[in-house]
Amino acid sequence: MYHHMNNSIYYFLFDSVVNSYLIKHCGLHPPTSSQIGLVVHSHCDYFAPVGFPSIIDLALRVNKLGKSSVTYEIGVFEQGAEEVKAVGEFIHVFVDRDSRKPGKQGMADGLKEGLGKILSAKPKL
């Protein structure tokens, strides 16, 4: 109706790209894994509208990897364009499926290893 992508779609895409990565590269199996990720924070900065019905590309990286938490950053681009249209942030805390509390050892090794592969390098001071 407004000739641009609705903001709720951005959050759907953020959740989809993060969970797809966790399933494909971190060994997460949502129905049975002993740990699950709970979203404790999310936001999006919009820089320019994505025209409807444009095709989009998403870029995912990890900006911070803690003992039981991870901060993701997702860039939204129109296919074929270099300028970012929006940047989202999404924070998961991995908890025990039953107790909903972080484990003493933090997130499972497979999760941490897979997320470490897309951890952005810290800037050198």
PDB file of N, CA and C in Angstrom:
ATOM      1  N   MET A   1       0.812  -1.188   0.000  1.00  0.00           N
ATOM      2  CA  MET A   1       0.000   0.000   0.000  1.00  0.00           C
ATOM      3  C   MET A   1       0.868   1.270   0.000  1.00  0.00           C
ATOM      4  N   TYR A   2       1.957   1.251   0.765  1.00  0.00           N
ATOM      5  CA  TYR A   2       2.826   2.432   0.868  1.00  0.00           C
ATOM      6  C   TYR A   2       4.032   2.353  -0.064  1.00  0.00           C
ATOM      7  N   HIS A   3       4.137   1.292  -0.835  1.00  0.00           N
ATOM      8  CA  HIS A   3       5.230   1.075  -1.785  1.00  0.00           C
ATOM      9  C   HIS A   3       6.592   0.911  -1.109  1.00  0.00           C
ATOM     10  N   HIS A   4       6.573   0.485   0.149  1.00  0.00           N
ATOM     11  CA  HIS A   4       7.809   0.116   0.819  1.00  0.00           C
ATOM     12  C   HIS A   4       7.522  -1.017   1.797  1.00  0.00           C
ATOM     13  N   MET A   5       8.586  -1.691   2.202  1.00  0.00           N
ATOM     14  CA  MET A   5       8.449  -2.837   3.085  1.00  0.00           C
ATOM     15  C   MET A   5       8.057  -2.381   4.492  1.00  0.00           C
ATOM     16  N   ASN A   6       7.053  -3.018   5.062  1.00  0.00           N
ATOM     17  CA  ASN A   6       6.572  -2.680   6.400  1.00  0.00           C
ATOM     18  C   ASN A   6       7.613  -3.054   7.453  1.00  0.00           C
ATOM     19  N   ASN A   7       7.711  -2.249   8.524  1.00  0.00           N
ATOM     20  CA  ASN A   7       8.745  -2.493   9.532  1.00  0.00           C
ATOM     21  C   ASN A   7       8.620  -3.862  10.209  1.00  0.00           C
ATOM     22  N   SER A   8       7.442  -4.420  10.321  1.00  0.00           N
ATOM     23  CA  SER A   8       7.307  -5.738  10.948  1.00  0.00           C
ATOM     24  C   SER A   8       8.004  -6.819  10.124  1.00  0.00           C
ATOM     25  N   ILE A   9       8.102  -6.607   8.824  1.00  0.00           N
ATOM     26  CA  ILE A   9       8.773  -7.576   7.954  1.00  0.00           C
ATOM     27  C   ILE A   9      10.272  -7.613   8.258  1.00  0.00           C
ATOM     28  N   TYR A  10      10.862  -6.471   8.583  1.00  0.00           N
ATOM     29  CA  TYR A  10      12.287  -6.440   8.931  1.00  0.00           C
ATOM     30  C   TYR A  10      12.563  -7.399  10.092  1.00  0.00           C
ATOM     31  N   TYR A  11      11.734  -7.334  11.136  1.00  0.00           N
ATOM     32  CA  TYR A  11      11.947  -8.189  12.303  1.00  0.00           C
ATOM     33  C   TYR A  11      11.726  -9.663  11.972  1.00  0.00           C
ATOM     34  N   PHE A  12      10.781  -9.951  11.109  1.00  0.00           N
ATOM     35  CA  PHE A  12      10.581 -11.319  10.631  1.00  0.00           C
ATOM     36  C   PHE A  12      11.849 -11.812   9.932  1.00  0.00           C
ATOM     37  N   LEU A  13      12.439 -10.965   9.097  1.00  0.00           N
ATOM     38  CA  LEU A  13      13.652 -11.334   8.376  1.00  0.00           C
ATOM     39  C   LEU A  13      14.839 -11.503   9.319  1.00  0.00           C
ATOM     40  N   PHE A  14      14.963 -10.614  10.326  1.00  0.00           N
ATOM     41  CA  PHE A  14      16.056 -10.737  11.299  1.00  0.00           C
ATOM     42  C   PHE A  14      15.974 -12.093  12.002  1.00  0.00           C
ATOM     43  N   ASP A  15      14.801 -12.429  12.489  1.00  0.00           N
ATOM     44  CA  ASP A  15      14.596 -13.690  13.186  1.00  0.00           C
ATOM     45  C   ASP A  15      14.900 -14.865  12.258  1.00  0.00           C
ATOM     46  N   SER A  16      14.476 -14.762  11.015  1.00  0.00           N
ATOM     47  CA  SER A  16      14.679 -15.850  10.050  1.00  0.00           C
ATOM     48  C   SER A  16      16.145 -16.064   9.727  1.00  0.00           C
ATOM     49  N   VAL A  17      16.903 -14.999   9.481  1.00  0.00           N
ATOM     50  CA  VAL A  17      18.306 -15.166   9.116  1.00  0.00           C
ATOM     51  C   VAL A  17      19.121 -15.672  10.304  1.00  0.00           C
ATOM     52  N   VAL A  18      18.829 -15.182  11.494  1.00  0.00           N
ATOM     53  CA  VAL A  18      19.545 -15.644  12.685  1.00  0.00           C
ATOM     54  C   VAL A  18      19.256 -17.124  12.932  1.00  0.00           C
ATOM     55  N   ASN A  19      17.996 -17.501  12.945  1.00  0.00           N
ATOM     56  CA  ASN A  19      17.661 -18.888  13.237  1.00  0.00           C
ATOM     57  C   ASN A  19      18.096 -19.840  12.137  1.00  0.00           C
ATOM     58  N   SER A  20      18.068 -19.399  10.901  1.00  0.00           N
ATOM     59  CA  SER A  20      18.587 -20.237   9.810  1.00  0.00           C
ATOM     60  C   SER A  20      20.073 -20.506  10.016  1.00  0.00           C
ATOM     61  N   TYR A  21      20.820 -19.475  10.416  1.00  0.00           N
ATOM     62  CA  TYR A  21      22.253 -19.665  10.667  1.00  0.00           C
ATOM     63  C   TYR A  21      22.473 -20.623  11.834  1.00  0.00           C
ATOM     64  N   LEU A  22      21.725 -20.449  12.915  1.00  0.00           N
ATOM     65  CA  LEU A  22      21.881 -21.319  14.083  1.00  0.00           C
ATOM     66  C   LEU A  22      21.606 -22.779  13.736  1.00  0.00           C
ATOM     67  N   ILE A  23      20.606 -23.011  12.922  1.00  0.00           N
ATOM     68  CA  ILE A  23      20.247 -24.374  12.543  1.00  0.00           C
ATOM     69  C   ILE A  23      21.286 -24.970  11.595  1.00  0.00           C
ATOM     70  N   LYS A  24      21.699 -24.219  10.580  1.00  0.00           N
ATOM     71  CA  LYS A  24      22.613 -24.738   9.560  1.00  0.00           C
ATOM     72  C   LYS A  24      24.066 -24.804  10.001  1.00  0.00           C
ATOM     73  N   HIS A  25      24.507 -23.886  10.884  1.00  0.00           N
ATOM     74  CA  HIS A  25      25.939 -23.774  11.181  1.00  0.00           C
ATOM     75  C   HIS A  25      26.306 -23.964  12.651  1.00  0.00           C
ATOM     76  N   CYS A  26      25.314 -24.083  13.518  1.00  0.00           N
ATOM     77  CA  CYS A  26      25.611 -24.167  14.953  1.00  0.00           C
ATOM     78  C   CYS A  26      25.014 -25.404  15.613  1.00  0.00           C
ATOM     79  N   GLY A  27      24.395 -26.267  14.833  1.00  0.00           N
ATOM     80  CA  GLY A  27      23.849 -27.501  15.368  1.00  0.00           C
ATOM     81  C   GLY A  27      22.579 -27.343  16.189  1.00  0.00           C
ATOM     82  N   LEU A  28      21.925 -26.194  16.104  1.00  0.00           N
ATOM     83  CA  LEU A  28      20.688 -25.999  16.852  1.00  0.00           C
ATOM     84  C   LEU A  28      19.548 -26.751  16.176  1.00  0.00           C
ATOM     85  N   HIS A  29      18.784 -27.480  16.979  1.00  0.00           N
ATOM     86  CA  HIS A  29      17.574 -28.149  16.508  1.00  0.00           C
ATOM     87  C   HIS A  29      16.458 -27.684  17.436  1.00  0.00           C
ATOM     88  N   PRO A  30      15.735 -26.612  17.063  1.00  0.00           N
ATOM     89  CA  PRO A  30      14.788 -25.975  17.984  1.00  0.00           C
ATOM     90  C   PRO A  30      13.814 -26.902  18.713  1.00  0.00           C
ATOM     91  N   PRO A  31      13.261 -27.942  18.077  1.00  0.00           N
ATOM     92  CA  PRO A  31      12.311 -28.780  18.819  1.00  0.00           C
ATOM     93  C   PRO A  31      12.944 -29.633  19.920  1.00  0.00           C
ATOM     94  N   THR A  32      14.263 -29.931  19.812  1.00  0.00           N
ATOM     95  CA  THR A  32      14.854 -30.880  20.758  1.00  0.00           C
ATOM     96  C   THR A  32      16.124 -30.407  21.455  1.00  0.00           C
ATOM     97  N   SER A  33      16.745 -29.325  21.019  1.00  0.00           N
ATOM     98  CA  SER A  33      17.995 -28.875  21.638  1.00  0.00           C
ATOM     99  C   SER A  33      17.781 -28.575  23.115  1.00  0.00           C
ATOM    100  N   SER A  34      18.797 -28.896  23.922  1.00  0.00           N
ATOM    101  CA  SER A  34      18.679 -28.672  25.369  1.00  0.00           C
ATOM    102  C   SER A  34      18.714 -27.186  25.715  1.00  0.00           C
ATOM    103  N   GLN A  35      19.287 -26.372  24.829  1.00  0.00           N
ATOM    104  CA  GLN A  35      19.304 -24.924  25.028  1.00  0.00           C
ATOM    105  C   GLN A  35      18.481 -24.244  23.950  1.00  0.00           C
ATOM    106  N   ILE A  36      17.862 -23.135  24.330  1.00  0.00           N
ATOM    107  CA  ILE A  36      17.133 -22.309  23.365  1.00  0.00           C
ATOM    108  C   ILE A  36      17.584 -20.862  23.538  1.00  0.00           C
ATOM    109  N   GLY A  37      17.463 -20.082  22.489  1.00  0.00           N
ATOM    110  CA  GLY A  37      17.810 -18.675  22.553  1.00  0.00           C
ATOM    111  C   GLY A  37      16.573 -17.833  22.809  1.00  0.00           C
ATOM    112  N   LEU A  38      16.630 -17.005  23.845  1.00  0.00           N
ATOM    113  CA  LEU A  38      15.550 -16.059  24.130  1.00  0.00           C
ATOM    114  C   LEU A  38      15.996 -14.674  23.687  1.00  0.00           C
ATOM    115  N   VAL A  39      15.146 -13.981  22.972  1.00  0.00           N
ATOM    116  CA  VAL A  39      15.459 -12.616  22.543  1.00  0.00           C
ATOM    117  C   VAL A  39      15.253 -11.690  23.739  1.00  0.00           C
ATOM    118  N   VAL A  40      16.323 -10.972  24.109  1.00  0.00           N
ATOM    119  CA  VAL A  40      16.227 -10.041  25.232  1.00  0.00           C
ATOM    120  C   VAL A  40      16.306  -8.585  24.771  1.00  0.00           C
ATOM    121  N   HIS A  41      16.666  -8.379  23.505  1.00  0.00           N
ATOM    122  CA  HIS A  41      16.740  -7.017  22.976  1.00  0.00           C
ATOM    123  C   HIS A  41      16.730  -7.089  21.454  1.00  0.00           C
ATOM    124  N   SER A  42      16.082  -6.115  20.841  1.00  0.00           N
ATOM    125  CA  SER A  42      16.162  -5.956  19.387  1.00  0.00           C
ATOM    126  C   SER A  42      15.862  -4.507  19.043  1.00  0.00           C
ATOM    127  N   HIS A  43      16.468  -4.052  17.962  1.00  0.00           N
ATOM    128  CA  HIS A  43      16.122  -2.736  17.437  1.00  0.00           C
ATOM    129  C   HIS A  43      16.547  -2.667  15.979  1.00  0.00           C
ATOM    130  N   CYS A  44      16.067  -1.642  15.312  1.00  0.00           N
ATOM    131  CA  CYS A  44      16.394  -1.444  13.908  1.00  0.00           C
ATOM    132  C   CYS A  44      16.569   0.035  13.633  1.00  0.00           C
ATOM    133  N   ASP A  45      17.632   0.366  12.919  1.00  0.00           N
ATOM    134  CA  ASP A  45      17.852   1.729  12.425  1.00  0.00           C
ATOM    135  C   ASP A  45      17.568   1.717  10.934  1.00  0.00           C
ATOM    136  N   TYR A  46      16.670   2.580  10.509  1.00  0.00           N
ATOM    137  CA  TYR A  46      16.260   2.653   9.106  1.00  0.00           C
ATOM    138  C   TYR A  46      16.949   3.851   8.452  1.00  0.00           C
ATOM    139  N   PHE A  47      17.582   3.618   7.310  1.00  0.00           N
ATOM    140  CA  PHE A  47      18.296   4.676   6.610  1.00  0.00           C
ATOM    141  C   PHE A  47      17.613   5.089   5.319  1.00  0.00           C
ATOM    142  N   ALA A  48      16.956   4.152   4.666  1.00  0.00           N
ATOM    143  CA  ALA A  48      16.236   4.431   3.421  1.00  0.00           C
ATOM    144  C   ALA A  48      15.213   3.316   3.232  1.00  0.00           C
ATOM    145  N   PRO A  49      14.094   3.629   2.620  1.00  0.00           N
ATOM    146  CA  PRO A  49      13.086   2.586   2.438  1.00  0.00           C
ATOM    147  C   PRO A  49      13.515   1.547   1.407  1.00  0.00           C
ATOM    148  N   VAL A  50      13.033   0.333   1.625  1.00  0.00           N
ATOM    149  CA  VAL A  50      13.177  -0.730   0.634  1.00  0.00           C
ATOM    150  C   VAL A  50      11.901  -0.698  -0.180  1.00  0.00           C
ATOM    151  N   GLY A  51      12.030  -0.449  -1.460  1.00  0.00           N
ATOM    152  CA  GLY A  51      10.859  -0.366  -2.324  1.00  0.00           C
ATOM    153  C   GLY A  51      10.173  -1.709  -2.478  1.00  0.00           C
ATOM    154  N   PHE A  52       8.879  -1.669  -2.589  1.00  0.00           N
ATOM    155  CA  PHE A  52       8.110  -2.892  -2.805  1.00  0.00           C
ATOM    156  C   PHE A  52       7.868  -3.043  -4.296  1.00  0.00           C
ATOM    157  N   PRO A  53       8.125  -4.130  -4.911  1.00  0.00           N
ATOM    158  CA  PRO A  53       8.470  -5.463  -4.428  1.00  0.00           C
ATOM    159  C   PRO A  53       9.941  -5.813  -4.639  1.00  0.00           C
ATOM    160  N   SER A  54      10.850  -5.026  -4.160  1.00  0.00           N
ATOM    161  CA  SER A  54      12.286  -5.272  -4.342  1.00  0.00           C
ATOM    162  C   SER A  54      12.714  -6.605  -3.740  1.00  0.00           C
ATOM    163  N   ILE A  55      13.792  -7.136  -4.298  1.00  0.00           N
ATOM    164  CA  ILE A  55      14.437  -8.315  -3.730  1.00  0.00           C
ATOM    165  C   ILE A  55      15.519  -7.802  -2.790  1.00  0.00           C
ATOM    166  N   ILE A  56      15.617  -8.406  -1.611  1.00  0.00           N
ATOM    167  CA  ILE A  56      16.607  -7.931  -0.648  1.00  0.00           C
ATOM    168  C   ILE A  56      17.656  -8.987  -0.360  1.00  0.00           C
ATOM    169  N   ASP A  57      18.808  -8.514   0.096  1.00  0.00           N
ATOM    170  CA  ASP A  57      19.889  -9.357   0.597  1.00  0.00           C
ATOM    171  C   ASP A  57      20.106  -8.990   2.051  1.00  0.00           C
ATOM    172  N   LEU A  58      20.431  -9.989   2.865  1.00  0.00           N
ATOM    173  CA  LEU A  58      20.713  -9.767   4.278  1.00  0.00           C
ATOM    174  C   LEU A  58      22.150 -10.170   4.569  1.00  0.00           C
ATOM    175  N   ALA A  59      22.815  -9.402   5.406  1.00  0.00           N
ATOM    176  CA  ALA A  59      24.170  -9.724   5.846  1.00  0.00           C
ATOM    177  C   ALA A  59      24.125  -9.908   7.360  1.00  0.00           C
ATOM    178  N   LEU A  60      24.697 -11.002   7.850  1.00  0.00           N
ATOM    179  CA  LEU A  60      24.657 -11.336   9.272  1.00  0.00           C
ATOM    180  C   LEU A  60      26.070 -11.424   9.818  1.00  0.00           C
ATOM    181  N   ARG A  61      26.264 -10.827  11.003  1.00  0.00           N
ATOM    182  CA  ARG A  61      27.517 -11.022  11.720  1.00  0.00           C
ATOM    183  C   ARG A  61      27.236 -10.971  13.217  1.00  0.00           C
ATOM    184  N   VAL A  62      28.202 -11.460  13.984  1.00  0.00           N
ATOM    185  CA  VAL A  62      28.137 -11.405  15.438  1.00  0.00           C
ATOM    186  C   VAL A  62      29.062 -10.282  15.885  1.00  0.00           C
ATOM    187  N   ASN A  63      28.527  -9.351  16.653  1.00  0.00           N
ATOM    188  CA  ASN A  63      29.349  -8.257  17.170  1.00  0.00           C
ATOM    189  C   ASN A  63      29.899  -8.538  18.558  1.00  0.00           C
ATOM    190  N   LYS A  64      29.204  -9.384  19.325  1.00  0.00           N
ATOM    191  CA  LYS A  64      29.669  -9.717  20.674  1.00  0.00           C
ATOM    192  C   LYS A  64      29.240 -11.137  20.996  1.00  0.00           C
ATOM    193  N   LEU A  65      30.186 -11.910  21.501  1.00  0.00           N
ATOM    194  CA  LEU A  65      29.921 -13.293  21.862  1.00  0.00           C
ATOM    195  C   LEU A  65      30.306 -13.477  23.319  1.00  0.00           C
ATOM    196  N   GLY A  66      29.308 -13.621  24.174  1.00  0.00           N
ATOM    197  CA  GLY A  66      29.539 -13.786  25.605  1.00  0.00           C
ATOM    198  C   GLY A  66      29.440 -15.235  26.015  1.00  0.00           C
ATOM    199  N   LYS A  67      29.389 -15.448  27.334  1.00  0.00           N
ATOM    200  CA  LYS A  67      29.302 -16.808  27.872  1.00  0.00           C
ATOM    201  C   LYS A  67      27.973 -17.464  27.504  1.00  0.00           C
ATOM    202  N   SER A  68      26.885 -16.726  27.634  1.00  0.00           N
ATOM    203  CA  SER A  68      25.573 -17.281  27.293  1.00  0.00           C
ATOM    204  C   SER A  68      24.771 -16.383  26.357  1.00  0.00           C
ATOM    205  N   SER A  69      25.355 -15.244  25.965  1.00  0.00           N
ATOM    206  CA  SER A  69      24.629 -14.320  25.095  1.00  0.00           C
ATOM    207  C   SER A  69      25.407 -14.021  23.821  1.00  0.00           C
ATOM    208  N   VAL A  70      24.657 -13.572  22.829  1.00  0.00           N
ATOM    209  CA  VAL A  70      25.255 -13.206  21.543  1.00  0.00           C
ATOM    210  C   VAL A  70      24.503 -12.004  20.993  1.00  0.00           C
ATOM    211  N   THR A  71      25.274 -11.050  20.464  1.00  0.00           N
ATOM    212  CA  THR A  71      24.703  -9.867  19.820  1.00  0.00           C
ATOM    213  C   THR A  71      24.944  -9.971  18.321  1.00  0.00           C
ATOM    214  N   TYR A  72      23.857 -10.023  17.569  1.00  0.00           N
ATOM    215  CA  TYR A  72      23.915 -10.119  16.116  1.00  0.00           C
ATOM    216  C   TYR A  72      23.703  -8.726  15.514  1.00  0.00           C
ATOM    217  N   GLU A  73      24.252  -8.523  14.328  1.00  0.00           N
ATOM    218  CA  GLU A  73      23.943  -7.335  13.533  1.00  0.00           C
ATOM    219  C   GLU A  73      23.539  -7.820  12.151  1.00  0.00           C
ATOM    220  N   ILE A  74      22.447  -7.265  11.651  1.00  0.00           N
ATOM    221  CA  ILE A  74      21.918  -7.677  10.348  1.00  0.00           C
ATOM    222  C   ILE A  74      21.797  -6.451   9.458  1.00  0.00           C
ATOM    223  N   GLY A  75      22.437  -6.487   8.309  1.00  0.00           N
ATOM    224  CA  GLY A  75      22.323  -5.418   7.319  1.00  0.00           C
ATOM    225  C   GLY A  75      21.296  -5.807   6.278  1.00  0.00           C
ATOM    226  N   VAL A  76      20.489  -4.836   5.887  1.00  0.00           N
ATOM    227  CA  VAL A  76      19.453  -5.053   4.868  1.00  0.00           C
ATOM    228  C   VAL A  76      19.821  -4.228   3.637  1.00  0.00           C
ATOM    229  N   PHE A  77      19.915  -4.890   2.499  1.00  0.00           N
ATOM    230  CA  PHE A  77      20.302  -4.253   1.242  1.00  0.00           C
ATOM    231  C   PHE A  77      19.289  -4.595   0.161  1.00  0.00           C
ATOM    232  N   GLU A  78      19.021  -3.657  -0.742  1.00  0.00           N
ATOM    233  CA  GLU A  78      18.281  -4.026  -1.948  1.00  0.00           C
ATOM    234  C   GLU A  78      19.263  -4.742  -2.852  1.00  0.00           C
ATOM    235  N   GLN A  79      18.814  -5.824  -3.459  1.00  0.00           N
ATOM    236  CA  GLN A  79      19.697  -6.602  -4.325  1.00  0.00           C
ATOM    237  C   GLN A  79      20.309  -5.706  -5.386  1.00  0.00           C
ATOM    238  N   GLY A  80      21.635  -5.798  -5.526  1.00  0.00           N
ATOM    239  CA  GLY A  80      22.352  -5.026  -6.527  1.00  0.00           C
ATOM    240  C   GLY A  80      22.794  -3.646  -6.057  1.00  0.00           C
ATOM    241  N   ALA A  81      22.409  -3.236  -4.849  1.00  0.00           N
ATOM    242  CA  ALA A  81      22.794  -1.922  -4.327  1.00  0.00           C
ATOM    243  C   ALA A  81      23.810  -2.095  -3.195  1.00  0.00           C
ATOM    244  N   GLU A  82      24.735  -1.152  -3.090  1.00  0.00           N
ATOM    245  CA  GLU A  82      25.768  -1.234  -2.058  1.00  0.00           C
ATOM    246  C   GLU A  82      25.385  -0.549  -0.753  1.00  0.00           C
ATOM    247  N   GLU A  83      24.519   0.444  -0.812  1.00  0.00           N
ATOM    248  CA  GLU A  83      24.188   1.169   0.413  1.00  0.00           C
ATOM    249  C   GLU A  83      23.192   0.385   1.254  1.00  0.00           C
ATOM    250  N   VAL A  84      23.453   0.388   2.557  1.00  0.00           N
ATOM    251  CA  VAL A  84      22.597  -0.330   3.483  1.00  0.00           C
ATOM    252  C   VAL A  84      21.293   0.448   3.671  1.00  0.00           C
ATOM    253  N   LYS A  85      20.199  -0.274   3.677  1.00  0.00           N
ATOM    254  CA  LYS A  85      18.878   0.355   3.845  1.00  0.00           C
ATOM    255  C   LYS A  85      18.451   0.382   5.307  1.00  0.00           C
ATOM    256  N   ALA A  86      18.878  -0.638   6.068  1.00  0.00           N
ATOM    257  CA  ALA A  86      18.541  -0.717   7.486  1.00  0.00           C
ATOM    258  C   ALA A  86      19.568  -1.627   8.163  1.00  0.00           C
ATOM    259  N   VAL A  87      19.757  -1.396   9.461  1.00  0.00           N
ATOM    260  CA  VAL A  87      20.636  -2.248  10.255  1.00  0.00           C
ATOM    261  C   VAL A  87      19.887  -2.625  11.525  1.00  0.00           C
ATOM    262  N   GLY A  88      19.796  -3.923  11.759  1.00  0.00           N
ATOM    263  CA  GLY A  88      19.114  -4.423  12.939  1.00  0.00           C
ATOM    264  C   GLY A  88      20.094  -5.021  13.922  1.00  0.00           C
ATOM    265  N   GLU A  89      19.692  -5.012  15.187  1.00  0.00           N
ATOM    266  CA  GLU A  89      20.454  -5.670  16.242  1.00  0.00           C
ATOM    267  C   GLU A  89      19.496  -6.604  16.968  1.00  0.00           C
ATOM    268  N   PHE A  90      20.029  -7.727  17.364  1.00  0.00           N
ATOM    269  CA  PHE A  90      19.212  -8.803  17.915  1.00  0.00           C
ATOM    270  C   PHE A  90      20.084  -9.480  18.963  1.00  0.00           C
ATOM    271  N   ILE A  91      19.644  -9.594  20.202  1.00  0.00           N
ATOM    272  CA  ILE A  91      20.432 -10.247  21.247  1.00  0.00           C
ATOM    273  C   ILE A  91      19.677 -11.472  21.755  1.00  0.00           C
ATOM    274  N   HIS A  92      20.373 -12.593  21.725  1.00  0.00           N
ATOM    275  CA  HIS A  92      19.877 -13.848  22.284  1.00  0.00           C
ATOM    276  C   HIS A  92      20.630 -14.146  23.577  1.00  0.00           C
ATOM    277  N   VAL A  93      19.933 -14.668  24.557  1.00  0.00           N
ATOM    278  CA  VAL A  93      20.555 -15.316  25.706  1.00  0.00           C
ATOM    279  C   VAL A  93      20.147 -16.777  25.624  1.00  0.00           C
ATOM    280  N   PHE A  94      21.150 -17.656  25.611  1.00  0.00           N
ATOM    281  CA  PHE A  94      20.868 -19.081  25.524  1.00  0.00           C
ATOM    282  C   PHE A  94      20.659 -19.642  26.921  1.00  0.00           C
ATOM    283  N   VAL A  95      19.517 -20.312  27.082  1.00  0.00           N
ATOM    284  CA  VAL A  95      19.099 -20.831  28.378  1.00  0.00           C
ATOM    285  C   VAL A  95      18.721 -22.304  28.249  1.00  0.00           C
ATOM    286  N   ASP A  96      18.659 -22.965  29.393  1.00  0.00           N
ATOM    287  CA  ASP A  96      18.175 -24.339  29.442  1.00  0.00           C
ATOM    288  C   ASP A  96      16.704 -24.360  29.027  1.00  0.00           C
ATOM    289  N   ARG A  97      16.363 -25.267  28.160  1.00  0.00           N
ATOM    290  CA  ARG A  97      14.998 -25.348  27.636  1.00  0.00           C
ATOM    291  C   ARG A  97      13.959 -25.439  28.756  1.00  0.00           C
ATOM    292  N   ASP A  98      14.219 -26.226  29.793  1.00  0.00           N
ATOM    293  CA  ASP A  98      13.223 -26.456  30.834  1.00  0.00           C
ATOM    294  C   ASP A  98      13.210 -25.383  31.920  1.00  0.00           C
ATOM    295  N   SER A  99      14.383 -25.022  32.424  1.00  0.00           N
ATOM    296  CA  SER A  99      14.434 -24.063  33.539  1.00  0.00           C
ATOM    297  C   SER A  99      14.363 -22.608  33.087  1.00  0.00           C
ATOM    298  N   ARG A 100      14.680 -22.367  31.819  1.00  0.00           N
ATOM    299  CA  ARG A 100      14.736 -21.011  31.253  1.00  0.00           C
ATOM    300  C   ARG A 100      15.813 -20.159  31.934  1.00  0.00           C
ATOM    301  N   LYS A 101      16.866 -20.818  32.432  1.00  0.00           N
ATOM    302  CA  LYS A 101      17.993 -20.130  33.063  1.00  0.00           C
ATOM    303  C   LYS A 101      19.268 -20.483  32.308  1.00  0.00           C
ATOM    304  N   PRO A 102      20.215 -19.544  32.237  1.00  0.00           N
ATOM    305  CA  PRO A 102      21.500 -19.859  31.602  1.00  0.00           C
ATOM    306  C   PRO A 102      22.209 -20.978  32.359  1.00  0.00           C
ATOM    307  N   GLY A 103      22.866 -21.849  31.629  1.00  0.00           N
ATOM    308  CA  GLY A 103      23.633 -22.923  32.258  1.00  0.00           C
ATOM    309  C   GLY A 103      24.939 -22.393  32.827  1.00  0.00           C
ATOM    310  N   LYS A 104      25.503 -23.105  33.789  1.00  0.00           N
ATOM    311  CA  LYS A 104      26.760 -22.677  34.420  1.00  0.00           C
ATOM    312  C   LYS A 104      27.904 -22.622  33.416  1.00  0.00           C
ATOM    313  N   GLN A 105      27.850 -23.476  32.406  1.00  0.00           N
ATOM    314  CA  GLN A 105      28.909 -23.508  31.392  1.00  0.00           C
ATOM    315  C   GLN A 105      28.637 -22.538  30.238  1.00  0.00           C
ATOM    316  N   GLY A 106      27.507 -21.840  30.285  1.00  0.00           N
ATOM    317  CA  GLY A 106      27.151 -20.943  29.194  1.00  0.00           C
ATOM    318  C   GLY A 106      26.544 -21.705  28.034  1.00  0.00           C
ATOM    319  N   MET A 107      26.657 -21.123  26.859  1.00  0.00           N
ATOM    320  CA  MET A 107      26.059 -21.779  25.691  1.00  0.00           C
ATOM    321  C   MET A 107      26.860 -23.003  25.285  1.00  0.00           C
ATOM    322  N   ALA A 108      26.193 -23.916  24.624  1.00  0.00           N
ATOM    323  CA  ALA A 108      26.813 -25.160  24.164  1.00  0.00           C
ATOM    324  C   ALA A 108      27.989 -24.865  23.242  1.00  0.00           C
ATOM    325  N   ASP A 109      28.965 -25.761  23.246  1.00  0.00           N
ATOM    326  CA  ASP A 109      30.179 -25.578  22.443  1.00  0.00           C
ATOM    327  C   ASP A 109      29.882 -25.416  20.959  1.00  0.00           C
ATOM    328  N   GLY A 110      28.943 -26.204  20.437  1.00  0.00           N
ATOM    329  CA  GLY A 110      28.607 -26.109  19.016  1.00  0.00           C
ATOM    330  C   GLY A 110      28.047 -24.756  18.642  1.00  0.00           C
ATOM    331  N   LEU A 111      27.236 -24.189  19.525  1.00  0.00           N
ATOM    332  CA  LEU A 111      26.703 -22.844  19.286  1.00  0.00           C
ATOM    333  C   LEU A 111      27.831 -21.825  19.272  1.00  0.00           C
ATOM    334  N   LYS A 112      28.668 -21.876  20.300  1.00  0.00           N
ATOM    335  CA  LYS A 112      29.751 -20.900  20.422  1.00  0.00           C
ATOM    336  C   LYS A 112      30.724 -21.000  19.245  1.00  0.00           C
ATOM    337  N   GLU A 113      31.028 -22.217  18.842  1.00  0.00           N
ATOM    338  CA  GLU A 113      31.955 -22.422  17.716  1.00  0.00           C
ATOM    339  C   GLU A 113      31.370 -21.865  16.415  1.00  0.00           C
ATOM    340  N   GLY A 114      30.116 -22.186  16.136  1.00  0.00           N
ATOM    341  CA  GLY A 114      29.477 -21.700  14.909  1.00  0.00           C
ATOM    342  C   GLY A 114      29.327 -20.190  14.889  1.00  0.00           C
ATOM    343  N   LEU A 115      28.970 -19.608  16.020  1.00  0.00           N
ATOM    344  CA  LEU A 115      28.824 -18.151  16.095  1.00  0.00           C
ATOM    345  C   LEU A 115      30.176 -17.453  15.997  1.00  0.00           C
ATOM    346  N   GLY A 116      31.213 -18.101  16.513  1.00  0.00           N
ATOM    347  CA  GLY A 116      32.551 -17.531  16.423  1.00  0.00           C
ATOM    348  C   GLY A 116      33.033 -17.364  14.986  1.00  0.00           C
ATOM    349  N   LYS A 117      32.498 -18.153  14.078  1.00  0.00           N
ATOM    350  CA  LYS A 117      32.894 -18.066  12.666  1.00  0.00           C
ATOM    351  C   LYS A 117      32.440 -16.770  12.008  1.00  0.00           C
ATOM    352  N   ILE A 118      31.416 -16.118  12.561  1.00  0.00           N
ATOM    353  CA  ILE A 118      30.945 -14.852  11.981  1.00  0.00           C
ATOM    354  C   ILE A 118      31.141 -13.685  12.958  1.00  0.00           C
ATOM    355  N   LEU A 119      32.031 -13.886  13.940  1.00  0.00           N
ATOM    356  CA  LEU A 119      32.330 -12.826  14.902  1.00  0.00           C
ATOM    357  C   LEU A 119      33.168 -11.760  14.211  1.00  0.00           C
ATOM    358  N   SER A 120      32.708 -10.513  14.276  1.00  0.00           N
ATOM    359  CA  SER A 120      33.451  -9.426  13.642  1.00  0.00           C
ATOM    360  C   SER A 120      34.721  -9.133  14.441  1.00  0.00           C
ATOM    361  N   ALA A 121      35.753  -8.747  13.731  1.00  0.00           N
ATOM    362  CA  ALA A 121      37.025  -8.426  14.379  1.00  0.00           C
ATOM    363  C   ALA A 121      36.888  -7.126  15.162  1.00  0.00           C
ATOM    364  N   LYS A 122      37.495  -7.098  16.344  1.00  0.00           N
ATOM    365  CA  LYS A 122      37.468  -5.875  17.140  1.00  0.00           C
ATOM    366  C   LYS A 122      38.422  -4.866  16.514  1.00  0.00           C
ATOM    367  N   PRO A 123      38.034  -3.587  16.457  1.00  0.00           N
ATOM    368  CA  PRO A 123      38.945  -2.584  15.914  1.00  0.00           C
ATOM    369  C   PRO A 123      40.176  -2.422  16.789  1.00  0.00           C
ATOM    370  N   LYS A 124      41.322  -2.233  16.160  1.00  0.00           N
ATOM    371  CA  LYS A 124      42.580  -2.053  16.889  1.00  0.00           C
ATOM    372  C   LYS A 124      42.714  -0.601  17.295  1.00  0.00           C
ATOM    373  N   LEU A 125      43.091  -0.388  18.527  1.00  0.00           N
ATOM    374  CA  LEU A 125      43.250   0.975  19.043  1.00  0.00           C
ATOM    375  C   LEU A 125      44.638   1.487  18.816  1.00  0.00           C
TER     376      LEU A 125
END
